[in-house]
């Protein structure tokens, strides 16, 4: 798992500008998938994190039903396995 720096996030958005809507922000990349935040969901919920395979479209993203802090904590406890799958 690679968690993006702000610079990497910006370059990812520029390179793949047609893959995610403008209200979504990639947080990290792992095994040909991206973890992203949907800022529209952030306005009314703390369950704003999604997982999207690189071969799928935004509409098919898996809602993780958690925030980034919870996801990262569980990811560490799971020792780097993709527990949400």
PDB file of N, CA and C in Angstrom:
ATOM      1  N   UNK A   1       0.841  -1.171   0.000  1.00  0.00           N
ATOM      2  CA  UNK A   1       0.000   0.000   0.000  1.00  0.00           C
ATOM      3  C   UNK A   1       0.887   1.235   0.000  1.00  0.00           C
ATOM      4  N   UNK A   2       0.567   2.150  -0.865  1.00  0.00           N
ATOM      5  CA  UNK A   2       1.235   3.439  -0.916  1.00  0.00           C
ATOM      6  C   UNK A   2       0.219   4.508  -0.572  1.00  0.00           C
ATOM      7  N   UNK A   3       0.474   5.253   0.492  1.00  0.00           N
ATOM      8  CA  UNK A   3      -0.376   6.383   0.826  1.00  0.00           C
ATOM      9  C   UNK A   3       0.225   7.606   0.143  1.00  0.00           C
ATOM     10  N   UNK A   4      -0.598   8.325  -0.600  1.00  0.00           N
ATOM     11  CA  UNK A   4      -0.120   9.437  -1.415  1.00  0.00           C
ATOM     12  C   UNK A   4       0.259  10.659  -0.589  1.00  0.00           C
ATOM     13  N   UNK A   5       1.321  11.297  -1.010  1.00  0.00           N
ATOM     14  CA  UNK A   5       1.626  12.643  -0.530  1.00  0.00           C
ATOM     15  C   UNK A   5       0.693  13.601  -1.278  1.00  0.00           C
ATOM     16  N   UNK A   6       0.634  14.829  -0.851  1.00  0.00           N
ATOM     17  CA  UNK A   6      -0.205  15.810  -1.538  1.00  0.00           C
ATOM     18  C   UNK A   6       0.241  15.983  -2.988  1.00  0.00           C
ATOM     19  N   UNK A   7       1.537  15.999  -3.227  1.00  0.00           N
ATOM     20  CA  UNK A   7       2.063  16.150  -4.583  1.00  0.00           C
ATOM     21  C   UNK A   7       1.666  14.961  -5.465  1.00  0.00           C
ATOM     22  N   UNK A   8       1.754  13.755  -4.893  1.00  0.00           N
ATOM     23  CA  UNK A   8       1.393  12.557  -5.650  1.00  0.00           C
ATOM     24  C   UNK A   8      -0.110  12.547  -5.944  1.00  0.00           C
ATOM     25  N   UNK A   9      -0.907  12.994  -4.984  1.00  0.00           N
ATOM     26  CA  UNK A   9      -2.352  13.073  -5.182  1.00  0.00           C
ATOM     27  C   UNK A   9      -2.688  14.007  -6.352  1.00  0.00           C
ATOM     28  N   UNK A  10      -2.031  15.154  -6.391  1.00  0.00           N
ATOM     29  CA  UNK A  10      -2.266  16.124  -7.465  1.00  0.00           C
ATOM     30  C   UNK A  10      -1.856  15.549  -8.812  1.00  0.00           C
ATOM     31  N   UNK A  11      -0.696  14.905  -8.873  1.00  0.00           N
ATOM     32  CA  UNK A  11      -0.257  14.329 -10.151  1.00  0.00           C
ATOM     33  C   UNK A  11      -1.158  13.177 -10.581  1.00  0.00           C
ATOM     34  N   UNK A  12      -1.642  12.389  -9.624  1.00  0.00           N
ATOM     35  CA  UNK A  12      -2.572  11.306  -9.943  1.00  0.00           C
ATOM     36  C   UNK A  12      -3.851  11.875 -10.546  1.00  0.00           C
ATOM     37  N   UNK A  13      -4.384  12.924  -9.924  1.00  0.00           N
ATOM     38  CA  UNK A  13      -5.616  13.550 -10.428  1.00  0.00           C
ATOM     39  C   UNK A  13      -5.417  14.129 -11.825  1.00  0.00           C
ATOM     40  N   UNK A  14      -4.251  14.686 -12.091  1.00  0.00           N
ATOM     41  CA  UNK A  14      -3.976  15.242 -13.415  1.00  0.00           C
ATOM     42  C   UNK A  14      -3.833  14.145 -14.469  1.00  0.00           C
ATOM     43  N   UNK A  15      -3.168  13.063 -14.092  1.00  0.00           N
ATOM     44  CA  UNK A  15      -2.939  11.975 -15.040  1.00  0.00           C
ATOM     45  C   UNK A  15      -4.207  11.169 -15.333  1.00  0.00           C
ATOM     46  N   UNK A  16      -5.043  10.997 -14.327  1.00  0.00           N
ATOM     47  CA  UNK A  16      -6.258  10.188 -14.476  1.00  0.00           C
ATOM     48  C   UNK A  16      -7.513  11.035 -14.282  1.00  0.00           C
ATOM     49  N   UNK A  17      -7.530  12.209 -14.878  1.00  0.00           N
ATOM     50  CA  UNK A  17      -8.610  13.163 -14.654  1.00  0.00           C
ATOM     51  C   UNK A  17      -9.976  12.687 -15.138  1.00  0.00           C
ATOM     52  N   UNK A  18     -10.017  11.706 -16.001  1.00  0.00           N
ATOM     53  CA  UNK A  18     -11.301  11.198 -16.487  1.00  0.00           C
ATOM     54  C   UNK A  18     -11.771   9.944 -15.738  1.00  0.00           C
ATOM     55  N   UNK A  19     -10.972   9.464 -14.801  1.00  0.00           N
ATOM     56  CA  UNK A  19     -11.310   8.232 -14.090  1.00  0.00           C
ATOM     57  C   UNK A  19     -12.158   8.488 -12.855  1.00  0.00           C
ATOM     58  N   UNK A  20     -11.804   9.510 -12.080  1.00  0.00           N
ATOM     59  CA  UNK A  20     -12.564   9.865 -10.880  1.00  0.00           C
ATOM     60  C   UNK A  20     -13.219  11.232 -11.084  1.00  0.00           C
ATOM     61  N   UNK A  21     -14.417  11.417 -10.567  1.00  0.00           N
ATOM     62  CA  UNK A  21     -15.056  12.739 -10.637  1.00  0.00           C
ATOM     63  C   UNK A  21     -14.229  13.774  -9.864  1.00  0.00           C
ATOM     64  N   UNK A  22     -14.451  15.034 -10.145  1.00  0.00           N
ATOM     65  CA  UNK A  22     -13.655  16.102  -9.534  1.00  0.00           C
ATOM     66  C   UNK A  22     -13.871  16.223  -8.028  1.00  0.00           C
ATOM     67  N   UNK A  23     -14.918  15.628  -7.489  1.00  0.00           N
ATOM     68  CA  UNK A  23     -15.163  15.687  -6.047  1.00  0.00           C
ATOM     69  C   UNK A  23     -14.543  14.514  -5.293  1.00  0.00           C
ATOM     70  N   UNK A  24     -13.749  13.695  -5.972  1.00  0.00           N
ATOM     71  CA  UNK A  24     -13.098  12.541  -5.348  1.00  0.00           C
ATOM     72  C   UNK A  24     -11.589  12.751  -5.305  1.00  0.00           C
ATOM     73  N   UNK A  25     -10.994  12.319  -4.190  1.00  0.00           N
ATOM     74  CA  UNK A  25      -9.569  12.526  -3.976  1.00  0.00           C
ATOM     75  C   UNK A  25      -8.893  11.211  -3.591  1.00  0.00           C
ATOM     76  N   UNK A  26      -7.931  10.763  -4.412  1.00  0.00           N
ATOM     77  CA  UNK A  26      -7.239   9.507  -4.110  1.00  0.00           C
ATOM     78  C   UNK A  26      -6.329   9.664  -2.897  1.00  0.00           C
ATOM     79  N   UNK A  27      -6.382   8.696  -1.999  1.00  0.00           N
ATOM     80  CA  UNK A  27      -5.573   8.722  -0.786  1.00  0.00           C
ATOM     81  C   UNK A  27      -4.412   7.736  -0.839  1.00  0.00           C
ATOM     82  N   UNK A  28      -4.565   6.684  -1.648  1.00  0.00           N
ATOM     83  CA  UNK A  28      -3.516   5.683  -1.723  1.00  0.00           C
ATOM     84  C   UNK A  28      -3.788   4.673  -2.818  1.00  0.00           C
ATOM     85  N   UNK A  29      -2.787   3.825  -3.047  1.00  0.00           N
ATOM     86  CA  UNK A  29      -2.830   2.861  -4.132  1.00  0.00           C
ATOM     87  C   UNK A  29      -2.301   1.524  -3.631  1.00  0.00           C
ATOM     88  N   UNK A  30      -2.992   0.441  -4.000  1.00  0.00           N
ATOM     89  CA  UNK A  30      -2.542  -0.886  -3.596  1.00  0.00           C
ATOM     90  C   UNK A  30      -3.099  -1.934  -4.547  1.00  0.00           C
ATOM     91  N   UNK A  31      -2.237  -2.812  -5.027  1.00  0.00           N
ATOM     92  CA  UNK A  31      -2.665  -3.951  -5.847  1.00  0.00           C
ATOM     93  C   UNK A  31      -3.656  -3.563  -6.940  1.00  0.00           C
ATOM     94  N   UNK A  32      -3.287  -2.601  -7.754  1.00  0.00           N
ATOM     95  CA  UNK A  32      -4.107  -2.152  -8.886  1.00  0.00           C
ATOM     96  C   UNK A  32      -5.478  -1.635  -8.454  1.00  0.00           C
ATOM     97  N   UNK A  33      -5.503  -0.952  -7.324  1.00  0.00           N
ATOM     98  CA  UNK A  33      -6.732  -0.332  -6.830  1.00  0.00           C
ATOM     99  C   UNK A  33      -6.371   0.951  -6.101  1.00  0.00           C
ATOM    100  N   UNK A  34      -7.333   1.834  -6.022  1.00  0.00           N
ATOM    101  CA  UNK A  34      -7.119   3.108  -5.341  1.00  0.00           C
ATOM    102  C   UNK A  34      -8.141   3.262  -4.215  1.00  0.00           C
ATOM    103  N   UNK A  35      -7.681   3.822  -3.107  1.00  0.00           N
ATOM    104  CA  UNK A  35      -8.549   4.204  -1.989  1.00  0.00           C
ATOM    105  C   UNK A  35      -8.803   5.696  -2.178  1.00  0.00           C
ATOM    106  N   UNK A  36     -10.069   6.106  -2.164  1.00  0.00           N
ATOM    107  CA  UNK A  36     -10.336   7.527  -2.375  1.00  0.00           C
ATOM    108  C   UNK A  36     -11.434   8.047  -1.455  1.00  0.00           C
ATOM    109  N   UNK A  37     -11.426   9.363  -1.285  1.00  0.00           N
ATOM    110  CA  UNK A  37     -12.409  10.080  -0.484  1.00  0.00           C
ATOM    111  C   UNK A  37     -13.391  10.748  -1.427  1.00  0.00           C
ATOM    112  N   UNK A  38     -14.664  10.612  -1.138  1.00  0.00           N
ATOM    113  CA  UNK A  38     -15.703  11.321  -1.888  1.00  0.00           C
ATOM    114  C   UNK A  38     -16.088  12.546  -1.056  1.00  0.00           C
ATOM    115  N   UNK A  39     -15.686  13.729  -1.506  1.00  0.00           N
ATOM    116  CA  UNK A  39     -15.910  14.945  -0.721  1.00  0.00           C
ATOM    117  C   UNK A  39     -17.385  15.318  -0.613  1.00  0.00           C
ATOM    118  N   UNK A  40     -18.215  14.874  -1.533  1.00  0.00           N
ATOM    119  CA  UNK A  40     -19.653  15.133  -1.422  1.00  0.00           C
ATOM    120  C   UNK A  40     -20.255  14.336  -0.269  1.00  0.00           C
ATOM    121  N   UNK A  41     -19.783  13.126  -0.058  1.00  0.00           N
ATOM    122  CA  UNK A  41     -20.251  12.301   1.049  1.00  0.00           C
ATOM    123  C   UNK A  41     -19.742  12.874   2.379  1.00  0.00           C
ATOM    124  N   UNK A  42     -18.542  13.457   2.370  1.00  0.00           N
ATOM    125  CA  UNK A  42     -17.960  14.056   3.588  1.00  0.00           C
ATOM    126  C   UNK A  42     -18.845  15.141   4.181  1.00  0.00           C
ATOM    127  N   UNK A  43     -19.629  15.783   3.365  1.00  0.00           N
ATOM    128  CA  UNK A  43     -20.464  16.885   3.837  1.00  0.00           C
ATOM    129  C   UNK A  43     -21.560  16.428   4.789  1.00  0.00           C
ATOM    130  N   UNK A  44     -21.954  15.162   4.710  1.00  0.00           N
ATOM    131  CA  UNK A  44     -23.062  14.693   5.542  1.00  0.00           C
ATOM    132  C   UNK A  44     -22.797  13.362   6.252  1.00  0.00           C
ATOM    133  N   UNK A  45     -21.591  12.824   6.111  1.00  0.00           N
ATOM    134  CA  UNK A  45     -21.307  11.530   6.727  1.00  0.00           C
ATOM    135  C   UNK A  45     -19.811  11.387   6.993  1.00  0.00           C
ATOM    136  N   UNK A  46     -19.477  10.577   7.985  1.00  0.00           N
ATOM    137  CA  UNK A  46     -18.068  10.264   8.228  1.00  0.00           C
ATOM    138  C   UNK A  46     -17.682   8.927   7.593  1.00  0.00           C
ATOM    139  N   UNK A  47     -18.525   8.414   6.730  1.00  0.00           N
ATOM    140  CA  UNK A  47     -18.260   7.157   6.010  1.00  0.00           C
ATOM    141  C   UNK A  47     -18.044   7.479   4.536  1.00  0.00           C
ATOM    142  N   UNK A  48     -16.914   8.108   4.254  1.00  0.00           N
ATOM    143  CA  UNK A  48     -16.650   8.711   2.955  1.00  0.00           C
ATOM    144  C   UNK A  48     -15.579   7.994   2.139  1.00  0.00           C
ATOM    145  N   UNK A  49     -15.074   6.873   2.620  1.00  0.00           N
ATOM    146  CA  UNK A  49     -13.953   6.203   1.967  1.00  0.00           C
ATOM    147  C   UNK A  49     -14.432   5.100   1.033  1.00  0.00           C
ATOM    148  N   UNK A  50     -13.777   5.002  -0.138  1.00  0.00           N
ATOM    149  CA  UNK A  50     -14.139   4.026  -1.171  1.00  0.00           C
ATOM    150  C   UNK A  50     -12.894   3.323  -1.683  1.00  0.00           C
ATOM    151  N   UNK A  51     -13.092   2.139  -2.213  1.00  0.00           N
ATOM    152  CA  UNK A  51     -12.043   1.349  -2.860  1.00  0.00           C
ATOM    153  C   UNK A  51     -12.480   1.113  -4.295  1.00  0.00           C
ATOM    154  N   UNK A  52     -11.563   1.315  -5.243  1.00  0.00           N
ATOM    155  CA  UNK A  52     -11.900   1.156  -6.658  1.00  0.00           C
ATOM    156  C   UNK A  52     -10.776   0.447  -7.391  1.00  0.00           C
ATOM    157  N   UNK A  53     -11.108  -0.679  -7.999  1.00  0.00           N
ATOM    158  CA  UNK A  53     -10.159  -1.399  -8.831  1.00  0.00           C
ATOM    159  C   UNK A  53      -9.840  -0.556 -10.065  1.00  0.00           C
ATOM    160  N   UNK A  54      -8.622  -0.658 -10.523  1.00  0.00           N
ATOM    161  CA  UNK A  54      -8.199   0.131 -11.687  1.00  0.00           C
ATOM    162  C   UNK A  54      -8.907  -0.277 -12.976  1.00  0.00           C
ATOM    163  N   UNK A  55      -9.562  -1.419 -12.976  1.00  0.00           N
ATOM    164  CA  UNK A  55     -10.272  -1.845 -14.190  1.00  0.00           C
ATOM    165  C   UNK A  55     -11.756  -1.489 -14.141  1.00  0.00           C
ATOM    166  N   UNK A  56     -12.205  -0.893 -13.025  1.00  0.00           N
ATOM    167  CA  UNK A  56     -13.611  -0.532 -12.880  1.00  0.00           C
ATOM    168  C   UNK A  56     -13.820   0.966 -13.053  1.00  0.00           C
ATOM    169  N   UNK A  57     -15.086   1.332 -13.107  1.00  0.00           N
ATOM    170  CA  UNK A  57     -15.489   2.735 -13.188  1.00  0.00           C
ATOM    171  C   UNK A  57     -15.922   3.210 -11.800  1.00  0.00           C
ATOM    172  N   UNK A  58     -15.973   4.515 -11.645  1.00  0.00           N
ATOM    173  CA  UNK A  58     -16.364   5.147 -10.379  1.00  0.00           C
ATOM    174  C   UNK A  58     -17.686   4.584  -9.851  1.00  0.00           C
ATOM    175  N   UNK A  59     -18.622   4.344 -10.717  1.00  0.00           N
ATOM    176  CA  UNK A  59     -19.946   3.867 -10.322  1.00  0.00           C
ATOM    177  C   UNK A  59     -19.889   2.506  -9.634  1.00  0.00           C
ATOM    178  N   UNK A  60     -18.824   1.765  -9.844  1.00  0.00           N
ATOM    179  CA  UNK A  60     -18.693   0.425  -9.262  1.00  0.00           C
ATOM    180  C   UNK A  60     -17.773   0.395  -8.038  1.00  0.00           C
ATOM    181  N   UNK A  61     -17.439   1.561  -7.513  1.00  0.00           N
ATOM    182  CA  UNK A  61     -16.552   1.628  -6.346  1.00  0.00           C
ATOM    183  C   UNK A  61     -17.205   0.964  -5.138  1.00  0.00           C
ATOM    184  N   UNK A  62     -16.390   0.328  -4.336  1.00  0.00           N
ATOM    185  CA  UNK A  62     -16.848  -0.328  -3.121  1.00  0.00           C
ATOM    186  C   UNK A  62     -16.818   0.679  -1.978  1.00  0.00           C
ATOM    187  N   UNK A  63     -17.974   0.962  -1.395  1.00  0.00           N
ATOM    188  CA  UNK A  63     -18.040   1.875  -0.254  1.00  0.00           C
ATOM    189  C   UNK A  63     -17.550   1.124   0.976  1.00  0.00           C
ATOM    190  N   UNK A  64     -16.539   1.678   1.640  1.00  0.00           N
ATOM    191  CA  UNK A  64     -15.944   1.005   2.790  1.00  0.00           C
ATOM    192  C   UNK A  64     -16.649   1.317   4.100  1.00  0.00           C
ATOM    193  N   UNK A  65     -17.586   2.243   4.092  1.00  0.00           N
ATOM    194  CA  UNK A  65     -18.379   2.588   5.280  1.00  0.00           C
ATOM    195  C   UNK A  65     -17.516   2.968   6.480  1.00  0.00           C
ATOM    196  N   UNK A  66     -16.494   3.776   6.238  1.00  0.00           N
ATOM    197  CA  UNK A  66     -15.629   4.249   7.312  1.00  0.00           C
ATOM    198  C   UNK A  66     -14.864   5.474   6.841  1.00  0.00           C
ATOM    199  N   UNK A  67     -14.201   6.105   7.793  1.00  0.00           N
ATOM    200  CA  UNK A  67     -13.339   7.227   7.446  1.00  0.00           C
ATOM    201  C   UNK A  67     -11.903   6.731   7.292  1.00  0.00           C
ATOM    202  N   UNK A  68     -11.004   7.638   6.906  1.00  0.00           N
ATOM    203  CA  UNK A  68      -9.628   7.245   6.641  1.00  0.00           C
ATOM    204  C   UNK A  68      -8.928   6.778   7.920  1.00  0.00           C
ATOM    205  N   UNK A  69      -9.169   7.447   9.026  1.00  0.00           N
ATOM    206  CA  UNK A  69      -8.538   7.082  10.292  1.00  0.00           C
ATOM    207  C   UNK A  69      -8.883   5.648  10.694  1.00  0.00           C
ATOM    208  N   UNK A  70     -10.152   5.286  10.617  1.00  0.00           N
ATOM    209  CA  UNK A  70     -10.584   3.927  10.955  1.00  0.00           C
ATOM    210  C   UNK A  70      -9.991   2.921   9.988  1.00  0.00           C
ATOM    211  N   UNK A  71     -10.024   3.246   8.702  1.00  0.00           N
ATOM    212  CA  UNK A  71      -9.471   2.349   7.691  1.00  0.00           C
ATOM    213  C   UNK A  71      -7.993   2.077   7.952  1.00  0.00           C
ATOM    214  N   UNK A  72      -7.229   3.144   8.213  1.00  0.00           N
ATOM    215  CA  UNK A  72      -5.790   2.983   8.446  1.00  0.00           C
ATOM    216  C   UNK A  72      -5.522   2.158   9.702  1.00  0.00           C
ATOM    217  N   UNK A  73      -6.265   2.404  10.754  1.00  0.00           N
ATOM    218  CA  UNK A  73      -6.113   1.637  11.989  1.00  0.00           C
ATOM    219  C   UNK A  73      -6.369   0.150  11.738  1.00  0.00           C
ATOM    220  N   UNK A  74      -7.450  -0.164  11.058  1.00  0.00           N
ATOM    221  CA  UNK A  74      -7.773  -1.563  10.763  1.00  0.00           C
ATOM    222  C   UNK A  74      -6.764  -2.191   9.799  1.00  0.00           C
ATOM    223  N   UNK A  75      -6.266  -1.400   8.860  1.00  0.00           N
ATOM    224  CA  UNK A  75      -5.252  -1.884   7.913  1.00  0.00           C
ATOM    225  C   UNK A  75      -3.979  -2.294   8.655  1.00  0.00           C
ATOM    226  N   UNK A  76      -3.599  -1.508   9.644  1.00  0.00           N
ATOM    227  CA  UNK A  76      -2.416  -1.838  10.455  1.00  0.00           C
ATOM    228  C   UNK A  76      -2.672  -3.093  11.278  1.00  0.00           C
ATOM    229  N   UNK A  77      -3.832  -3.177  11.918  1.00  0.00           N
ATOM    230  CA  UNK A  77      -4.184  -4.366  12.718  1.00  0.00           C
ATOM    231  C   UNK A  77      -4.203  -5.618  11.843  1.00  0.00           C
ATOM    232  N   UNK A  78      -4.682  -5.473  10.593  1.00  0.00           N
ATOM    233  CA  UNK A  78      -4.754  -6.602   9.664  1.00  0.00           C
ATOM    234  C   UNK A  78      -3.403  -6.893   9.002  1.00  0.00           C
ATOM    235  N   UNK A  79      -2.372  -6.181   9.420  1.00  0.00           N
ATOM    236  CA  UNK A  79      -1.004  -6.373   8.933  1.00  0.00           C
ATOM    237  C   UNK A  79      -0.890  -6.247   7.421  1.00  0.00           C
ATOM    238  N   UNK A  80      -1.604  -5.262   6.876  1.00  0.00           N
ATOM    239  CA  UNK A  80      -1.465  -4.946   5.463  1.00  0.00           C
ATOM    240  C   UNK A  80      -2.320  -5.762   4.510  1.00  0.00           C
ATOM    241  N   UNK A  81      -3.190  -6.595   5.026  1.00  0.00           N
ATOM    242  CA  UNK A  81      -4.068  -7.346   4.124  1.00  0.00           C
ATOM    243  C   UNK A  81      -5.286  -6.489   3.775  1.00  0.00           C
ATOM    244  N   UNK A  82      -5.844  -6.749   2.628  1.00  0.00           N
ATOM    245  CA  UNK A  82      -7.018  -6.006   2.176  1.00  0.00           C
ATOM    246  C   UNK A  82      -8.263  -6.635   2.813  1.00  0.00           C
ATOM    247  N   UNK A  83      -8.455  -6.377   4.089  1.00  0.00           N
ATOM    248  CA  UNK A  83      -9.508  -6.986   4.889  1.00  0.00           C
ATOM    249  C   UNK A  83     -10.906  -6.653   4.375  1.00  0.00           C
ATOM    250  N   UNK A  84     -11.081  -5.560   3.667  1.00  0.00           N
ATOM    251  CA  UNK A  84     -12.401  -5.138   3.204  1.00  0.00           C
ATOM    252  C   UNK A  84     -12.904  -5.961   2.032  1.00  0.00           C
ATOM    253  N   UNK A  85     -12.029  -6.759   1.426  1.00  0.00           N
ATOM    254  CA  UNK A  85     -12.451  -7.608   0.304  1.00  0.00           C
ATOM    255  C   UNK A  85     -12.891  -8.957   0.822  1.00  0.00           C
TER     256      UNK A  85
END
